[in-house]
Amino acid sequence: MTDWTSREFTLKLNFLNSGPYEATICQDGINADRYASDYQLFTKNITRNDSLPIKLAPGGGFLVRLKKE
């Protein structure tokens, strides 16, 4: 998803419809720039008022799956 430059930004979720969502997130781990298998997979409940901090390791990526509850 990114080149060899690490990046950090915040994704505002105000584009979502109202109501709760379940977010399944897969993000780079602390050693993702050296080991592709270093990632974190977790779920959290979010709404349109939340935002997601995104940290991309060099050569890394980020995935989020949103499911309306």
Protein backbone atom coordinates (compact mmCIF):
# COMPACT_ATOMS: atom_id res chain seq x y z
CA MET A 1 0.00 0.00 0.00
CA THR A 2 2.96 2.30 0.54
CA ASP A 3 6.46 2.68 -0.84
CA TRP A 4 9.59 2.42 1.33
CA THR A 5 8.70 5.54 3.28
CA SER A 6 6.81 5.03 6.54
CA ARG A 7 3.68 7.16 6.97
CA GLU A 8 1.21 8.09 9.68
CA PHE A 9 -2.17 9.73 9.28
CA THR A 10 -5.67 9.74 10.75
CA LEU A 11 -8.70 8.53 8.81
CA LYS A 12 -11.91 10.31 9.81
CA LEU A 13 -14.95 8.03 9.64
CA ASN A 14 -17.58 10.74 9.13
CA PHE A 15 -18.44 9.20 5.73
CA LEU A 16 -20.20 6.31 7.52
CA ASN A 17 -23.95 6.21 8.10
CA SER A 18 -25.15 6.60 11.67
CA GLY A 19 -25.10 3.65 14.01
CA PRO A 20 -22.43 1.26 15.26
CA TYR A 21 -20.02 -0.68 13.07
CA GLU A 22 -17.63 -3.51 13.74
CA ALA A 23 -14.20 -2.77 12.27
CA THR A 24 -11.84 -5.65 11.58
CA ILE A 25 -8.38 -4.14 11.28
CA CYS A 26 -5.13 -5.60 9.99
CA GLN A 27 -2.17 -3.28 10.55
CA ASP A 28 1.60 -3.41 10.43
CA GLY A 29 3.41 -4.66 13.51
CA ILE A 30 6.52 -3.09 14.98
CA ASN A 31 8.87 -5.19 12.79
CA ALA A 32 6.75 -5.20 9.62
CA ASP A 33 9.50 -3.49 7.63
CA ARG A 34 11.67 -6.62 8.12
CA TYR A 35 9.11 -9.40 8.56
CA ALA A 36 5.97 -9.39 6.42
CA SER A 37 4.32 -11.79 8.86
CA ASP A 38 4.51 -9.17 11.63
CA TYR A 39 1.01 -7.72 11.71
CA GLN A 40 -1.81 -7.19 14.17
CA LEU A 41 -5.37 -8.38 13.53
CA PHE A 42 -8.16 -7.18 15.81
CA THR A 43 -11.73 -5.90 15.91
CA LYS A 44 -13.19 -2.83 17.53
CA ASN A 45 -16.55 -1.09 17.60
CA ILE A 46 -16.68 2.30 15.91
CA THR A 47 -19.14 4.99 14.82
CA ARG A 48 -19.02 7.86 12.34
CA ASN A 49 -17.72 10.10 15.16
CA ASP A 50 -14.52 8.08 15.50
CA SER A 51 -11.28 8.16 13.56
CA LEU A 52 -8.62 5.53 12.90
CA PRO A 53 -4.92 6.25 13.39
CA ILE A 54 -3.01 4.58 10.55
CA LYS A 55 0.71 3.81 10.74
CA LEU A 56 2.29 2.31 7.63
CA ALA A 57 5.69 0.66 7.95
CA PRO A 58 8.12 0.95 5.02
CA GLY A 59 6.63 -1.31 2.35
CA GLY A 60 3.63 -1.87 4.60
CA GLY A 61 -0.11 -1.74 4.36
CA PHE A 62 -3.40 -1.42 6.22
CA LEU A 63 -6.77 -3.10 5.86
CA VAL A 64 -10.09 -2.36 7.51
CA ARG A 65 -13.36 -4.22 6.96
CA LEU A 66 -16.46 -2.39 8.19
CA LYS A 67 -19.61 -4.29 9.09
CA LYS A 68 -22.77 -2.44 10.13
CA GLU A 69 -24.17 -3.84 13.38
